[in-house]
Amino acid sequence: MITLKAPREIELMRRAGKITAAARALAGAMVSAGVTTQRIDREVRDYIISEGARPAFLGYGGFPNSVCISVNSEVIHGIPGKRALREGDVVSIDVGAEKDGFIGDCAATYIVGEGTPEARRLVQVTRQSFFEALRFMRMGCRVSDISRAVQSCAEGNGFSVVRDYVGHGVGRRMHESPEIPNFVEEPRRGADPRLLAGMTIAVEPMVNAGAAEVKVLADGWTVVTDDGKLSAHYENTVLITDGEPEILTAHEAM
């Protein structure tokens, strides 16, 4: 069931979103050669806690860290560790923070140094696909309108969209209804709802340089491209209003 947020709940979502966005920006600013993913995780965790919030990913379904950090062919759910980033790495940062019972969720992909032209284009198109979809994140549009916009942008630029994982509603729980795919499929009955004012959704294009197929590594978490090619991820939490959509995790730079 889709949960519409009351004005007080929306204000709490704004607070959670602000912390989450700043945490993503902190992580992005740390992406550089020689920095370990474990250090980024630790700094982000400490920042979130300093804001009186809780890292929403820590312990979620058993996830062992506060940030998902996925490098190169890793799509999502990468586990931070002793790995040191290297020049040219493509680094996807996914962060969640819970404040006063409500959750913000956002992600972005960064490149260590200049990167290759292909990597830069992949990251740019992935982000662009979100903003193409943002035009349809308004009352009266359907979930499939969002999905179609992401897919058209990504595939129109020669990339593919991941089909095994999707965006979602977000609020008191990390994953709420509705599911928001990054591609259009024949909808199940009731699976393509219209957007209503008060909905808060996490739209997250996951775009691969090669084929769409992915697999999960032996750690049970890290999702990688099946063909070993690069992947990028971009996500914001968005409030549907009776006018323009409001990005609750809009802050990207510190």
C-alpha atoms as a PDB file:
ATOM      1  CA  MET A   1       0.000   0.000   0.000  1.00  0.00           C
ATOM      2  CA  ILE A   2       1.305   3.442  -0.938  1.00  0.00           C
ATOM      3  CA  THR A   3       1.757   5.746   2.036  1.00  0.00           C
ATOM      4  CA  LEU A   4       1.095   9.469   1.591  1.00  0.00           C
ATOM      5  CA  LYS A   5       2.972  11.691   4.021  1.00  0.00           C
ATOM      6  CA  ALA A   6       1.249  14.347   6.105  1.00  0.00           C
ATOM      7  CA  PRO A   7       2.812  17.840   6.323  1.00  0.00           C
ATOM      8  CA  ARG A   8       4.620  17.057   9.600  1.00  0.00           C
ATOM      9  CA  GLU A   9       5.985  13.813   8.139  1.00  0.00           C
ATOM     10  CA  ILE A  10       7.162  15.663   5.030  1.00  0.00           C
ATOM     11  CA  GLU A  11       9.118  18.073   7.195  1.00  0.00           C
ATOM     12  CA  LEU A  12      10.793  15.128   8.930  1.00  0.00           C
ATOM     13  CA  MET A  13      11.586  13.634   5.515  1.00  0.00           C
ATOM     14  CA  ARG A  14      13.224  16.930   4.558  1.00  0.00           C
ATOM     15  CA  ARG A  15      15.457  16.771   7.622  1.00  0.00           C
ATOM     16  CA  ALA A  16      16.467  13.177   6.922  1.00  0.00           C
ATOM     17  CA  GLY A  17      17.059  14.017   3.276  1.00  0.00           C
ATOM     18  CA  LYS A  18      19.295  16.957   4.098  1.00  0.00           C
ATOM     19  CA  ILE A  19      21.543  14.813   6.293  1.00  0.00           C
ATOM     20  CA  THR A  20      21.642  12.026   3.717  1.00  0.00           C
ATOM     21  CA  ALA A  21      22.554  14.400   0.891  1.00  0.00           C
ATOM     22  CA  ALA A  22      25.352  15.968   2.941  1.00  0.00           C
ATOM     23  CA  ALA A  23      26.654  12.483   3.753  1.00  0.00           C
ATOM     24  CA  ARG A  24      26.738  11.638   0.031  1.00  0.00           C
ATOM     25  CA  ALA A  25      28.586  14.880  -0.668  1.00  0.00           C
ATOM     26  CA  LEU A  26      31.119  14.103   2.066  1.00  0.00           C
ATOM     27  CA  ALA A  27      31.742  10.665   0.587  1.00  0.00           C
ATOM     28  CA  GLY A  28      32.052  12.075  -2.925  1.00  0.00           C
ATOM     29  CA  ALA A  29      34.589  14.648  -1.779  1.00  0.00           C
ATOM     30  CA  MET A  30      36.691  11.854  -0.307  1.00  0.00           C
ATOM     31  CA  VAL A  31      36.860   9.847  -3.527  1.00  0.00           C
ATOM     32  CA  SER A  32      40.540  10.059  -4.494  1.00  0.00           C
ATOM     33  CA  ALA A  33      43.499   7.809  -5.205  1.00  0.00           C
ATOM     34  CA  GLY A  34      44.799   5.988  -2.138  1.00  0.00           C
ATOM     35  CA  VAL A  35      41.706   6.435   0.020  1.00  0.00           C
ATOM     36  CA  THR A  36      40.188   3.170   1.236  1.00  0.00           C
ATOM     37  CA  THR A  37      36.488   2.513   0.957  1.00  0.00           C
ATOM     38  CA  GLN A  38      36.563   1.619   4.654  1.00  0.00           C
ATOM     39  CA  ARG A  39      37.745   5.133   5.519  1.00  0.00           C
ATOM     40  CA  ILE A  40      34.934   6.695   3.486  1.00  0.00           C
ATOM     41  CA  ASP A  41      32.435   4.470   5.274  1.00  0.00           C
ATOM     42  CA  ARG A  42      33.802   5.438   8.688  1.00  0.00           C
ATOM     43  CA  GLU A  43      33.753   9.183   7.986  1.00  0.00           C
ATOM     44  CA  VAL A  44      30.196   9.057   6.648  1.00  0.00           C
ATOM     45  CA  ARG A  45      29.003   6.996   9.602  1.00  0.00           C
ATOM     46  CA  ASP A  46      30.544   9.460  12.042  1.00  0.00           C
ATOM     47  CA  TYR A  47      28.977  12.416  10.221  1.00  0.00           C
ATOM     48  CA  ILE A  48      25.489  10.894  10.220  1.00  0.00           C
ATOM     49  CA  ILE A  49      25.720  10.101  13.926  1.00  0.00           C
ATOM     50  CA  SER A  50      26.997  13.626  14.655  1.00  0.00           C
ATOM     51  CA  GLU A  51      23.754  14.950  13.152  1.00  0.00           C
ATOM     52  CA  GLY A  52      21.681  12.938  15.595  1.00  0.00           C
ATOM     53  CA  ALA A  53      20.719  10.439  12.911  1.00  0.00           C
ATOM     54  CA  ARG A  54      21.344   6.757  12.297  1.00  0.00           C
ATOM     55  CA  PRO A  55      23.044   5.151   9.263  1.00  0.00           C
ATOM     56  CA  ALA A  56      20.003   3.495   7.719  1.00  0.00           C
ATOM     57  CA  PHE A  57      22.000   0.834   5.855  1.00  0.00           C
ATOM     58  CA  LEU A  58      23.968  -0.401   8.872  1.00  0.00           C
ATOM     59  CA  GLY A  59      22.513  -3.769   9.806  1.00  0.00           C
ATOM     60  CA  TYR A  60      19.710  -3.504   7.225  1.00  0.00           C
ATOM     61  CA  GLY A  61      19.063  -7.097   6.205  1.00  0.00           C
ATOM     62  CA  GLY A  62      22.425  -7.858   7.772  1.00  0.00           C
ATOM     63  CA  PHE A  63      24.447  -5.345   5.723  1.00  0.00           C
ATOM     64  CA  PRO A  64      27.698  -4.834   7.678  1.00  0.00           C
ATOM     65  CA  ASN A  65      28.495  -1.180   6.894  1.00  0.00           C
ATOM     66  CA  SER A  66      26.967   2.282   6.750  1.00  0.00           C
ATOM     67  CA  VAL A  67      27.593   3.038   3.057  1.00  0.00           C
ATOM     68  CA  CYS A  68      27.352   0.940  -0.088  1.00  0.00           C
ATOM     69  CA  ILE A  69      30.503   1.636  -2.134  1.00  0.00           C
ATOM     70  CA  SER A  70      30.606  -0.073  -5.525  1.00  0.00           C
ATOM     71  CA  VAL A  71      33.667   0.222  -7.761  1.00  0.00           C
ATOM     72  CA  ASN A  72      33.932  -0.201 -11.547  1.00  0.00           C
ATOM     73  CA  SER A  73      31.937  -3.318 -12.521  1.00  0.00           C
ATOM     74  CA  GLU A  74      30.200  -3.367  -9.133  1.00  0.00           C
ATOM     75  CA  VAL A  75      26.654  -2.082  -9.601  1.00  0.00           C
ATOM     76  CA  ILE A  76      25.251  -1.731  -6.070  1.00  0.00           C
ATOM     77  CA  HIS A  77      25.648  -3.005  -2.501  1.00  0.00           C
ATOM     78  CA  GLY A  78      29.448  -3.011  -2.508  1.00  0.00           C
ATOM     79  CA  ILE A  79      30.865  -3.627   0.979  1.00  0.00           C
ATOM     80  CA  PRO A  80      33.528  -1.127   2.138  1.00  0.00           C
ATOM     81  CA  GLY A  81      36.864  -2.589   3.151  1.00  0.00           C
ATOM     82  CA  LYS A  82      40.624  -2.204   2.854  1.00  0.00           C
ATOM     83  CA  ARG A  83      40.521  -1.613  -0.907  1.00  0.00           C
ATOM     84  CA  ALA A  84      42.339   1.608  -1.838  1.00  0.00           C
ATOM     85  CA  LEU A  85      40.862   3.570  -4.724  1.00  0.00           C
ATOM     86  CA  ARG A  86      43.007   4.002  -7.825  1.00  0.00           C
ATOM     87  CA  GLU A  87      43.200   6.570 -10.593  1.00  0.00           C
ATOM     88  CA  GLY A  88      40.365   6.028 -13.073  1.00  0.00           C
ATOM     89  CA  ASP A  89      38.119   4.032 -10.735  1.00  0.00           C
ATOM     90  CA  VAL A  90      34.374   4.565 -11.121  1.00  0.00           C
ATOM     91  CA  VAL A  91      32.936   4.736  -7.607  1.00  0.00           C
ATOM     92  CA  SER A  92      29.229   4.564  -6.790  1.00  0.00           C
ATOM     93  CA  ILE A  93      28.278   5.851  -3.335  1.00  0.00           C
ATOM     94  CA  ASP A  94      24.851   4.928  -1.894  1.00  0.00           C
ATOM     95  CA  VAL A  95      23.875   6.431   1.467  1.00  0.00           C
ATOM     96  CA  GLY A  96      20.853   6.306   3.753  1.00  0.00           C
ATOM     97  CA  ALA A  97      20.166   8.137   7.011  1.00  0.00           C
ATOM     98  CA  GLU A  98      17.279   7.825   9.456  1.00  0.00           C
ATOM     99  CA  LYS A  99      16.306  10.856  11.524  1.00  0.00           C
ATOM    100  CA  ASP A 100      13.297  10.924  13.877  1.00  0.00           C
ATOM    101  CA  GLY A 101      11.861   7.781  12.305  1.00  0.00           C
ATOM    102  CA  PHE A 102      12.132   8.831   8.642  1.00  0.00           C
ATOM    103  CA  ILE A 103      14.703   7.827   6.021  1.00  0.00           C
ATOM    104  CA  GLY A 104      16.527   9.642   3.239  1.00  0.00           C
ATOM    105  CA  ASP A 105      18.160   7.614   0.464  1.00  0.00           C
ATOM    106  CA  CYS A 106      20.477   8.840  -2.294  1.00  0.00           C
ATOM    107  CA  ALA A 107      23.409   7.802  -4.466  1.00  0.00           C
ATOM    108  CA  ALA A 108      25.852   9.202  -7.004  1.00  0.00           C
ATOM    109  CA  THR A 109      28.825   7.968  -8.985  1.00  0.00           C
ATOM    110  CA  TYR A 110      32.236   9.650  -8.934  1.00  0.00           C
ATOM    111  CA  ILE A 111      35.451   9.088 -10.882  1.00  0.00           C
ATOM    112  CA  VAL A 112      38.905   9.035  -9.308  1.00  0.00           C
ATOM    113  CA  GLY A 113      40.791  11.620 -11.316  1.00  0.00           C
ATOM    114  CA  GLU A 114      39.881  12.231 -14.943  1.00  0.00           C
ATOM    115  CA  GLY A 115      38.793   8.737 -15.946  1.00  0.00           C
ATOM    116  CA  THR A 116      38.212   7.485 -19.470  1.00  0.00           C
ATOM    117  CA  PRO A 117      35.848   9.211 -21.910  1.00  0.00           C
ATOM    118  CA  GLU A 118      33.548   6.158 -21.683  1.00  0.00           C
ATOM    119  CA  ALA A 119      33.470   6.344 -17.886  1.00  0.00           C
ATOM    120  CA  ARG A 120      32.729  10.064 -17.884  1.00  0.00           C
ATOM    121  CA  ARG A 121      29.933   9.615 -20.403  1.00  0.00           C
ATOM    122  CA  LEU A 122      28.428   6.709 -18.447  1.00  0.00           C
ATOM    123  CA  VAL A 123      28.352   8.738 -15.240  1.00  0.00           C
ATOM    124  CA  GLN A 124      26.894  11.776 -17.005  1.00  0.00           C
ATOM    125  CA  VAL A 125      24.158   9.808 -18.780  1.00  0.00           C
ATOM    126  CA  THR A 126      23.201   7.959 -15.601  1.00  0.00           C
ATOM    127  CA  ARG A 127      22.695  11.263 -13.791  1.00  0.00           C
ATOM    128  CA  GLN A 128      20.933  12.748 -16.807  1.00  0.00           C
ATOM    129  CA  SER A 129      18.499   9.837 -16.908  1.00  0.00           C
ATOM    130  CA  PHE A 130      17.316  10.731 -13.400  1.00  0.00           C
ATOM    131  CA  PHE A 131      16.675  14.339 -14.385  1.00  0.00           C
ATOM    132  CA  GLU A 132      14.889  13.274 -17.565  1.00  0.00           C
ATOM    133  CA  ALA A 133      12.619  11.202 -15.330  1.00  0.00           C
ATOM    134  CA  LEU A 134      12.184  14.067 -12.854  1.00  0.00           C
ATOM    135  CA  ARG A 135       9.969  15.791 -15.436  1.00  0.00           C
ATOM    136  CA  PHE A 136       7.424  13.019 -14.857  1.00  0.00           C
ATOM    137  CA  MET A 137       7.624  12.948 -11.059  1.00  0.00           C
ATOM    138  CA  ARG A 138       4.475  14.965 -10.679  1.00  0.00           C
ATOM    139  CA  MET A 139       0.906  14.375  -9.661  1.00  0.00           C
ATOM    140  CA  GLY A 140      -1.114  12.503 -12.287  1.00  0.00           C
ATOM    141  CA  CYS A 141       1.830  10.840 -14.043  1.00  0.00           C
ATOM    142  CA  ARG A 142       2.288   7.104 -13.715  1.00  0.00           C
ATOM    143  CA  VAL A 143       5.269   5.135 -12.415  1.00  0.00           C
ATOM    144  CA  SER A 144       5.781   3.839 -15.969  1.00  0.00           C
ATOM    145  CA  ASP A 145       6.347   7.418 -17.166  1.00  0.00           C
ATOM    146  CA  ILE A 146       9.374   7.602 -14.843  1.00  0.00           C
ATOM    147  CA  SER A 147      10.573   4.188 -15.968  1.00  0.00           C
ATOM    148  CA  ARG A 148      10.230   5.059 -19.653  1.00  0.00           C
ATOM    149  CA  ALA A 149      12.201   8.294 -19.265  1.00  0.00           C
ATOM    150  CA  VAL A 150      15.129   6.550 -17.554  1.00  0.00           C
ATOM    151  CA  GLN A 151      15.200   3.725 -20.074  1.00  0.00           C
ATOM    152  CA  SER A 152      14.930   6.013 -23.097  1.00  0.00           C
ATOM    153  CA  CYS A 153      17.806   8.201 -21.915  1.00  0.00           C
ATOM    154  CA  ALA A 154      20.121   5.331 -21.006  1.00  0.00           C
ATOM    155  CA  GLU A 155      19.430   3.107 -23.992  1.00  0.00           C
ATOM    156  CA  GLY A 156      19.267   6.054 -26.357  1.00  0.00           C
ATOM    157  CA  ASN A 157      22.876   6.759 -25.411  1.00  0.00           C
ATOM    158  CA  GLY A 158      23.991   3.187 -26.049  1.00  0.00           C
ATOM    159  CA  PHE A 159      23.893   1.898 -22.460  1.00  0.00           C
ATOM    160  CA  SER A 160      21.647  -0.616 -20.705  1.00  0.00           C
ATOM    161  CA  VAL A 161      19.545  -0.437 -17.549  1.00  0.00           C
ATOM    162  CA  VAL A 162      19.658  -3.017 -14.771  1.00  0.00           C
ATOM    163  CA  ARG A 163      16.395  -4.961 -14.528  1.00  0.00           C
ATOM    164  CA  ASP A 164      16.993  -7.010 -11.394  1.00  0.00           C
ATOM    165  CA  TYR A 165      16.827  -4.049  -9.000  1.00  0.00           C
ATOM    166  CA  VAL A 166      14.454  -1.085  -8.935  1.00  0.00           C
ATOM    167  CA  GLY A 167      13.636   2.179  -7.209  1.00  0.00           C
ATOM    168  CA  HIS A 168      11.007   2.347  -4.495  1.00  0.00           C
ATOM    169  CA  GLY A 169       8.918   4.370  -2.127  1.00  0.00           C
ATOM    170  CA  VAL A 170      10.716   5.500   1.017  1.00  0.00           C
ATOM    171  CA  GLY A 171       9.623   6.946   4.356  1.00  0.00           C
ATOM    172  CA  ARG A 172       9.394   5.253   7.721  1.00  0.00           C
ATOM    173  CA  ARG A 173      10.793   2.177   5.971  1.00  0.00           C
ATOM    174  CA  MET A 174      13.658   1.952   3.525  1.00  0.00           C
ATOM    175  CA  HIS A 175      11.569   0.177   0.928  1.00  0.00           C
ATOM    176  CA  GLU A 176       7.908   1.106   0.586  1.00  0.00           C
ATOM    177  CA  SER A 177       5.428   0.829  -2.262  1.00  0.00           C
ATOM    178  CA  PRO A 178       5.502   1.419  -5.146  1.00  0.00           C
ATOM    179  CA  GLU A 179       8.376  -0.266  -6.945  1.00  0.00           C
ATOM    180  CA  ILE A 180       9.861   2.028  -9.593  1.00  0.00           C
ATOM    181  CA  PRO A 181      11.680   0.117 -12.350  1.00  0.00           C
ATOM    182  CA  ASN A 182      14.175   1.802 -14.648  1.00  0.00           C
ATOM    183  CA  PHE A 183      12.533   0.123 -17.620  1.00  0.00           C
ATOM    184  CA  VAL A 184       9.017  -0.375 -18.940  1.00  0.00           C
ATOM    185  CA  GLU A 185       7.397  -3.766 -18.825  1.00  0.00           C
ATOM    186  CA  GLU A 186       3.841  -4.976 -19.186  1.00  0.00           C
ATOM    187  CA  PRO A 187       2.507  -3.891 -15.796  1.00  0.00           C
ATOM    188  CA  ARG A 188       0.858  -6.278 -13.404  1.00  0.00           C
ATOM    189  CA  ARG A 189      -2.653  -5.342 -12.343  1.00  0.00           C
ATOM    190  CA  GLY A 190      -2.322  -2.335 -10.051  1.00  0.00           C
ATOM    191  CA  ALA A 191       1.452  -2.176 -10.539  1.00  0.00           C
ATOM    192  CA  ASP A 192       1.494   1.118 -12.464  1.00  0.00           C
ATOM    193  CA  PRO A 193      -0.113   3.600 -10.070  1.00  0.00           C
ATOM    194  CA  ARG A 194      -0.547   7.293 -10.661  1.00  0.00           C
ATOM    195  CA  LEU A 195       1.607   9.603  -8.583  1.00  0.00           C
ATOM    196  CA  LEU A 196      -0.163  11.483  -5.800  1.00  0.00           C
ATOM    197  CA  ALA A 197       0.857  14.514  -3.754  1.00  0.00           C
ATOM    198  CA  GLY A 198       2.479  13.351  -0.528  1.00  0.00           C
ATOM    199  CA  MET A 199       4.293  10.375  -2.032  1.00  0.00           C
ATOM    200  CA  THR A 200       8.032  10.156  -1.322  1.00  0.00           C
ATOM    201  CA  ILE A 201       9.982   7.996  -3.744  1.00  0.00           C
ATOM    202  CA  ALA A 202      13.592   6.985  -4.331  1.00  0.00           C
ATOM    203  CA  VAL A 203      14.290   6.930  -8.064  1.00  0.00           C
ATOM    204  CA  GLU A 204      17.634   5.323  -8.834  1.00  0.00           C
ATOM    205  CA  PRO A 205      18.888   4.644 -12.357  1.00  0.00           C
ATOM    206  CA  MET A 206      21.452   1.822 -12.447  1.00  0.00           C
ATOM    207  CA  VAL A 207      23.109   1.943 -15.850  1.00  0.00           C
ATOM    208  CA  ASN A 208      25.643  -0.450 -17.366  1.00  0.00           C
ATOM    209  CA  ALA A 209      28.200   0.268 -20.080  1.00  0.00           C
ATOM    210  CA  GLY A 210      27.609  -3.211 -21.472  1.00  0.00           C
ATOM    211  CA  ALA A 211      24.730  -5.656 -21.104  1.00  0.00           C
ATOM    212  CA  ALA A 212      21.991  -5.383 -18.468  1.00  0.00           C
ATOM    213  CA  GLU A 213      22.670  -8.748 -16.840  1.00  0.00           C
ATOM    214  CA  VAL A 214      24.085  -8.781 -13.305  1.00  0.00           C
ATOM    215  CA  LYS A 215      25.049 -11.326 -10.659  1.00  0.00           C
ATOM    216  CA  VAL A 216      25.649 -11.367  -6.898  1.00  0.00           C
ATOM    217  CA  LEU A 217      29.116 -12.223  -5.577  1.00  0.00           C
ATOM    218  CA  ALA A 218      29.842 -14.825  -2.926  1.00  0.00           C
ATOM    219  CA  ASP A 219      29.620 -12.230  -0.139  1.00  0.00           C
ATOM    220  CA  GLY A 220      25.859 -12.277  -0.708  1.00  0.00           C
ATOM    221  CA  TRP A 221      25.679  -8.513  -1.248  1.00  0.00           C
ATOM    222  CA  THR A 222      27.871  -7.108  -4.010  1.00  0.00           C
ATOM    223  CA  VAL A 223      26.060  -6.963  -7.354  1.00  0.00           C
ATOM    224  CA  VAL A 224      28.339  -6.852 -10.408  1.00  0.00           C
ATOM    225  CA  THR A 225      27.842  -6.668 -14.159  1.00  0.00           C
ATOM    226  CA  ASP A 226      27.858 -10.131 -15.682  1.00  0.00           C
ATOM    227  CA  ASP A 227      30.181  -9.013 -18.500  1.00  0.00           C
ATOM    228  CA  GLY A 228      32.610  -7.173 -16.210  1.00  0.00           C
ATOM    229  CA  LYS A 229      31.958  -3.775 -17.785  1.00  0.00           C
ATOM    230  CA  LEU A 230      31.469  -0.519 -15.889  1.00  0.00           C
ATOM    231  CA  SER A 231      28.294   0.473 -14.088  1.00  0.00           C
ATOM    232  CA  ALA A 232      27.011   3.740 -12.584  1.00  0.00           C
ATOM    233  CA  HIS A 233      24.252   4.597 -10.097  1.00  0.00           C
ATOM    234  CA  TYR A 234      22.399   7.821  -9.335  1.00  0.00           C
ATOM    235  CA  GLU A 235      19.536   8.331  -6.877  1.00  0.00           C
ATOM    236  CA  ASN A 236      17.534  10.956  -5.040  1.00  0.00           C
ATOM    237  CA  THR A 237      14.586  10.917  -2.676  1.00  0.00           C
ATOM    238  CA  VAL A 238      11.786  12.979  -4.227  1.00  0.00           C
ATOM    239  CA  LEU A 239       8.553  14.399  -2.812  1.00  0.00           C
ATOM    240  CA  ILE A 240       5.552  14.465  -5.139  1.00  0.00           C
ATOM    241  CA  THR A 241       3.611  17.708  -4.675  1.00  0.00           C
ATOM    242  CA  ASP A 242       0.634  19.339  -6.384  1.00  0.00           C
ATOM    243  CA  GLY A 243       3.188  21.308  -8.421  1.00  0.00           C
ATOM    244  CA  GLU A 244       6.901  20.868  -9.073  1.00  0.00           C
ATOM    245  CA  PRO A 245       8.596  17.779  -7.555  1.00  0.00           C
ATOM    246  CA  GLU A 246      10.889  18.486  -4.613  1.00  0.00           C
ATOM    247  CA  ILE A 247      14.238  16.707  -4.399  1.00  0.00           C
ATOM    248  CA  LEU A 248      14.728  16.036  -0.689  1.00  0.00           C
ATOM    249  CA  THR A 249      18.367  14.967  -1.189  1.00  0.00           C
ATOM    250  CA  ALA A 250      19.427  17.765  -3.526  1.00  0.00           C
ATOM    251  CA  HIS A 251      22.764  18.743  -1.959  1.00  0.00           C
ATOM    252  CA  GLU A 252      25.638  17.240  -3.973  1.00  0.00           C
ATOM    253  CA  ALA A 253      28.716  19.301  -3.218  1.00  0.00           C
ATOM    254  CA  MET A 254      30.449  20.513  -0.060  1.00  0.00           C
END
